[in-house]
Amino acid sequence: MAEYRFECGEHGGIDIEAAMGTAPSTLPCPTCHRPARRVFGAPMLNRSRGAVRSTYERAERSADAPDVVRSPPPRAGRPGARFTNDPAHRRLPKP
């Protein structure tokens, strides 16, 4: 679904959601029933989550200057230690 904006000269903006490419060029204003014109603007590209946006930015930066990896990253936590907080895992057989 895409969000479309319409402007009524008297009552301001009206936002609707419709399938992409199906929005009409005018829409009756819900208050005065006069035709409200469709307003075209920049797409809302910045609505993505922070993690997704940072991944795209990192990929874009690495196109020109990729990060060089010299060794694998260190293991998180203690080496060989496995720990879980899930109570269902306590019922599993112990090695």
N, C-alpha and C. Protein backbone atom coordinates (compact mmCIF):
# COMPACT_ATOMS: atom_id res chain seq x y z
N MET A 1 0.83 -1.17 0.00
CA MET A 1 0.00 0.00 0.00
C MET A 1 0.88 1.25 0.00
N ALA A 2 0.45 2.23 -0.75
CA ALA A 2 1.16 3.50 -0.81
C ALA A 2 0.30 4.57 -0.16
N GLU A 3 0.95 5.60 0.35
CA GLU A 3 0.22 6.69 0.97
C GLU A 3 0.17 7.86 0.00
N TYR A 4 -1.03 8.39 -0.21
CA TYR A 4 -1.24 9.50 -1.13
C TYR A 4 -1.79 10.69 -0.36
N ARG A 5 -1.37 11.89 -0.78
CA ARG A 5 -1.80 13.12 -0.11
C ARG A 5 -2.62 13.97 -1.08
N PHE A 6 -3.73 14.48 -0.57
CA PHE A 6 -4.62 15.37 -1.32
C PHE A 6 -4.76 16.66 -0.52
N GLU A 7 -4.92 17.79 -1.22
CA GLU A 7 -5.06 19.09 -0.56
C GLU A 7 -6.40 19.72 -0.93
N CYS A 8 -7.17 20.05 0.11
CA CYS A 8 -8.39 20.82 -0.05
C CYS A 8 -8.01 22.27 0.22
N GLY A 9 -8.41 23.19 -0.64
CA GLY A 9 -8.06 24.59 -0.48
C GLY A 9 -8.57 25.19 0.83
N GLU A 10 -9.65 24.62 1.36
CA GLU A 10 -10.26 25.17 2.56
C GLU A 10 -9.88 24.41 3.83
N HIS A 11 -9.75 23.09 3.75
CA HIS A 11 -9.57 22.28 4.96
C HIS A 11 -8.21 21.60 5.07
N GLY A 12 -7.30 21.85 4.16
CA GLY A 12 -5.94 21.31 4.29
C GLY A 12 -5.77 19.93 3.69
N GLY A 13 -4.84 19.18 4.27
CA GLY A 13 -4.43 17.91 3.68
C GLY A 13 -5.27 16.72 4.09
N ILE A 14 -5.36 15.77 3.17
CA ILE A 14 -6.06 14.51 3.39
C ILE A 14 -5.09 13.42 2.95
N ASP A 15 -4.84 12.45 3.80
CA ASP A 15 -3.96 11.33 3.47
C ASP A 15 -4.79 10.06 3.36
N ILE A 16 -4.55 9.31 2.28
CA ILE A 16 -5.23 8.02 2.12
C ILE A 16 -4.19 6.96 1.76
N GLU A 17 -4.52 5.71 2.02
CA GLU A 17 -3.69 4.59 1.58
C GLU A 17 -4.44 3.85 0.50
N ALA A 18 -3.75 3.56 -0.58
CA ALA A 18 -4.35 2.84 -1.70
C ALA A 18 -3.26 2.02 -2.37
N ALA A 19 -3.67 1.03 -3.13
CA ALA A 19 -2.71 0.23 -3.87
C ALA A 19 -1.94 1.14 -4.82
N MET A 20 -0.67 0.84 -5.02
CA MET A 20 0.18 1.69 -5.83
C MET A 20 -0.39 1.86 -7.24
N GLY A 21 -0.51 3.12 -7.67
CA GLY A 21 -1.00 3.42 -9.00
C GLY A 21 -2.50 3.49 -9.14
N THR A 22 -3.25 3.33 -8.04
CA THR A 22 -4.71 3.32 -8.14
C THR A 22 -5.36 4.57 -7.58
N ALA A 23 -4.58 5.52 -7.06
CA ALA A 23 -5.16 6.73 -6.47
C ALA A 23 -5.70 7.65 -7.56
N PRO A 24 -6.87 8.25 -7.34
CA PRO A 24 -7.43 9.16 -8.34
C PRO A 24 -6.71 10.50 -8.32
N SER A 25 -6.94 11.33 -9.33
CA SER A 25 -6.29 12.64 -9.38
C SER A 25 -6.98 13.64 -8.46
N THR A 26 -8.26 13.43 -8.18
CA THR A 26 -8.98 14.26 -7.21
C THR A 26 -9.76 13.35 -6.28
N LEU A 27 -10.06 13.88 -5.12
CA LEU A 27 -10.80 13.13 -4.10
C LEU A 27 -11.74 14.11 -3.42
N PRO A 28 -13.00 13.74 -3.15
CA PRO A 28 -13.88 14.69 -2.47
C PRO A 28 -13.43 14.90 -1.02
N CYS A 29 -13.40 16.15 -0.61
CA CYS A 29 -13.03 16.49 0.76
C CYS A 29 -14.10 15.92 1.70
N PRO A 30 -13.71 15.25 2.80
CA PRO A 30 -14.70 14.67 3.69
C PRO A 30 -15.54 15.73 4.42
N THR A 31 -15.04 16.96 4.50
CA THR A 31 -15.77 18.01 5.22
C THR A 31 -16.70 18.79 4.30
N CYS A 32 -16.16 19.34 3.19
CA CYS A 32 -16.96 20.21 2.31
C CYS A 32 -17.38 19.53 1.01
N HIS A 33 -16.88 18.34 0.74
CA HIS A 33 -17.21 17.56 -0.46
C HIS A 33 -16.77 18.20 -1.76
N ARG A 34 -15.91 19.22 -1.71
CA ARG A 34 -15.32 19.79 -2.92
C ARG A 34 -14.14 18.92 -3.33
N PRO A 35 -13.77 18.94 -4.62
CA PRO A 35 -12.64 18.11 -5.04
C PRO A 35 -11.31 18.60 -4.46
N ALA A 36 -10.58 17.67 -3.86
CA ALA A 36 -9.25 17.97 -3.33
C ALA A 36 -8.23 17.43 -4.33
N ARG A 37 -7.25 18.26 -4.70
CA ARG A 37 -6.24 17.90 -5.69
C ARG A 37 -5.18 17.00 -5.09
N ARG A 38 -4.71 16.05 -5.88
CA ARG A 38 -3.62 15.19 -5.43
C ARG A 38 -2.31 15.96 -5.47
N VAL A 39 -1.52 15.84 -4.42
CA VAL A 39 -0.25 16.54 -4.29
C VAL A 39 0.86 15.52 -4.44
N PHE A 40 1.82 15.82 -5.31
CA PHE A 40 2.95 14.94 -5.52
C PHE A 40 4.13 15.43 -4.71
N GLY A 41 4.80 14.53 -4.03
CA GLY A 41 5.97 14.89 -3.24
C GLY A 41 7.02 13.81 -3.33
N ALA A 42 8.09 14.01 -2.60
CA ALA A 42 9.16 13.02 -2.57
C ALA A 42 8.68 11.77 -1.85
N PRO A 43 9.12 10.59 -2.28
CA PRO A 43 8.73 9.37 -1.59
C PRO A 43 9.34 9.34 -0.19
N MET A 44 8.67 8.66 0.72
CA MET A 44 9.11 8.59 2.10
C MET A 44 10.15 7.46 2.25
N LEU A 45 11.34 7.72 1.75
CA LEU A 45 12.38 6.70 1.78
C LEU A 45 13.02 6.55 3.15
N ASN A 46 12.87 7.52 4.01
CA ASN A 46 13.52 7.47 5.31
C ASN A 46 12.68 6.78 6.37
N ARG A 47 11.62 6.08 5.99
CA ARG A 47 10.77 5.39 6.95
C ARG A 47 11.29 4.01 7.33
N SER A 48 12.43 3.60 6.79
CA SER A 48 12.94 2.28 7.11
C SER A 48 13.54 2.28 8.51
N ARG A 49 13.64 1.09 9.10
CA ARG A 49 14.22 0.95 10.43
C ARG A 49 15.70 1.28 10.39
N GLY A 50 16.22 1.63 11.54
CA GLY A 50 17.61 2.03 11.65
C GLY A 50 18.58 0.96 11.19
N ALA A 51 18.33 -0.30 11.56
CA ALA A 51 19.24 -1.38 11.18
C ALA A 51 19.26 -1.57 9.67
N VAL A 52 18.10 -1.51 9.04
CA VAL A 52 18.01 -1.67 7.59
C VAL A 52 18.71 -0.51 6.90
N ARG A 53 18.44 0.70 7.37
CA ARG A 53 19.05 1.89 6.77
C ARG A 53 20.57 1.86 6.91
N SER A 54 21.07 1.47 8.09
CA SER A 54 22.53 1.44 8.27
C SER A 54 23.17 0.36 7.41
N THR A 55 22.47 -0.75 7.19
CA THR A 55 22.99 -1.80 6.31
C THR A 55 23.12 -1.29 4.89
N TYR A 56 22.11 -0.58 4.40
CA TYR A 56 22.19 -0.01 3.06
C TYR A 56 23.31 1.02 2.95
N GLU A 57 23.46 1.85 3.98
CA GLU A 57 24.52 2.86 3.95
C GLU A 57 25.90 2.20 3.97
N ARG A 58 26.07 1.15 4.78
CA ARG A 58 27.36 0.44 4.83
C ARG A 58 27.67 -0.21 3.49
N ALA A 59 26.65 -0.81 2.86
CA ALA A 59 26.86 -1.43 1.56
C ALA A 59 27.22 -0.39 0.50
N GLU A 60 26.59 0.77 0.59
CA GLU A 60 26.89 1.84 -0.37
C GLU A 60 28.32 2.35 -0.19
N ARG A 61 28.76 2.51 1.06
CA ARG A 61 30.13 2.96 1.31
C ARG A 61 31.15 1.93 0.84
N SER A 62 30.84 0.64 1.02
CA SER A 62 31.81 -0.40 0.68
C SER A 62 31.97 -0.59 -0.82
N ALA A 63 31.10 0.01 -1.64
CA ALA A 63 31.24 -0.11 -3.09
C ALA A 63 32.52 0.56 -3.57
N ASP A 64 32.89 1.68 -2.93
CA ASP A 64 34.09 2.40 -3.33
C ASP A 64 35.31 2.03 -2.49
N ALA A 65 35.10 1.78 -1.21
CA ALA A 65 36.21 1.48 -0.31
C ALA A 65 35.81 0.33 0.61
N PRO A 66 35.92 -0.92 0.14
CA PRO A 66 35.49 -2.04 0.97
C PRO A 66 36.38 -2.22 2.19
N ASP A 67 35.77 -2.71 3.28
CA ASP A 67 36.53 -3.02 4.48
C ASP A 67 37.39 -4.26 4.21
N VAL A 68 38.63 -4.23 4.69
CA VAL A 68 39.54 -5.35 4.51
C VAL A 68 39.56 -6.17 5.79
N VAL A 69 39.29 -7.46 5.69
CA VAL A 69 39.28 -8.35 6.85
C VAL A 69 40.60 -9.10 6.89
N ARG A 70 41.33 -8.97 7.99
CA ARG A 70 42.63 -9.62 8.13
C ARG A 70 42.55 -10.92 8.93
N SER A 71 41.53 -11.03 9.78
CA SER A 71 41.35 -12.25 10.57
C SER A 71 39.87 -12.35 10.96
N PRO A 72 39.43 -13.54 11.37
CA PRO A 72 38.03 -13.68 11.77
C PRO A 72 37.77 -12.90 13.06
N PRO A 73 36.56 -12.46 13.29
CA PRO A 73 36.26 -11.71 14.51
C PRO A 73 36.37 -12.60 15.75
N PRO A 74 36.66 -12.02 16.93
CA PRO A 74 36.77 -12.83 18.14
C PRO A 74 35.41 -13.38 18.53
N ARG A 75 35.43 -14.52 19.23
CA ARG A 75 34.20 -15.13 19.70
C ARG A 75 33.61 -14.31 20.82
N ALA A 76 32.32 -14.23 20.85
CA ALA A 76 31.64 -13.49 21.92
C ALA A 76 31.59 -14.36 23.17
N GLY A 77 31.78 -13.76 24.34
CA GLY A 77 31.70 -14.51 25.59
C GLY A 77 32.94 -15.34 25.84
N ARG A 78 32.82 -16.31 26.74
CA ARG A 78 33.95 -17.20 27.04
C ARG A 78 34.10 -18.24 25.95
N PRO A 79 35.31 -18.61 25.63
CA PRO A 79 35.50 -19.65 24.60
C PRO A 79 34.91 -20.97 25.08
N GLY A 80 34.10 -21.58 24.24
CA GLY A 80 33.54 -22.89 24.54
C GLY A 80 32.32 -22.85 25.44
N ALA A 81 31.96 -21.72 26.01
CA ALA A 81 30.81 -21.65 26.91
C ALA A 81 29.54 -21.44 26.10
N ARG A 82 28.54 -22.23 26.43
CA ARG A 82 27.23 -22.07 25.80
C ARG A 82 26.23 -21.84 26.91
N PHE A 83 25.47 -20.78 26.82
CA PHE A 83 24.52 -20.43 27.87
C PHE A 83 23.23 -19.98 27.22
N THR A 84 22.13 -20.42 27.79
CA THR A 84 20.83 -20.02 27.29
C THR A 84 19.90 -19.74 28.46
N ASN A 85 18.96 -18.85 28.28
CA ASN A 85 17.97 -18.53 29.31
C ASN A 85 16.63 -19.20 29.04
N ASP A 86 16.54 -19.96 27.98
CA ASP A 86 15.27 -20.59 27.62
C ASP A 86 14.98 -21.75 28.57
N PRO A 87 13.85 -21.73 29.32
CA PRO A 87 13.56 -22.81 30.27
C PRO A 87 13.35 -24.15 29.59
N ALA A 88 12.95 -24.17 28.33
CA ALA A 88 12.75 -25.44 27.63
C ALA A 88 14.08 -26.17 27.44
N HIS A 89 15.17 -25.42 27.36
CA HIS A 89 16.47 -26.06 27.17
C HIS A 89 16.94 -26.81 28.41
N ARG A 90 16.39 -26.48 29.59
CA ARG A 90 16.77 -27.20 30.83
C ARG A 90 16.28 -28.63 30.80
N ARG A 91 15.21 -28.92 30.06
CA ARG A 91 14.66 -30.27 30.00
C ARG A 91 15.39 -31.17 29.02
N LEU A 92 16.31 -30.61 28.25
CA LEU A 92 17.06 -31.42 27.28
C LEU A 92 18.09 -32.29 28.00
N PRO A 93 18.44 -33.44 27.43
CA PRO A 93 19.45 -34.29 28.08
C PRO A 93 20.81 -33.60 28.12
N LYS A 94 21.51 -33.81 29.22
CA LYS A 94 22.83 -33.20 29.41
C LYS A 94 23.90 -34.06 28.74
N PRO A 95 24.93 -33.45 28.17
CA PRO A 95 25.98 -34.25 27.54
C PRO A 95 26.87 -34.93 28.56
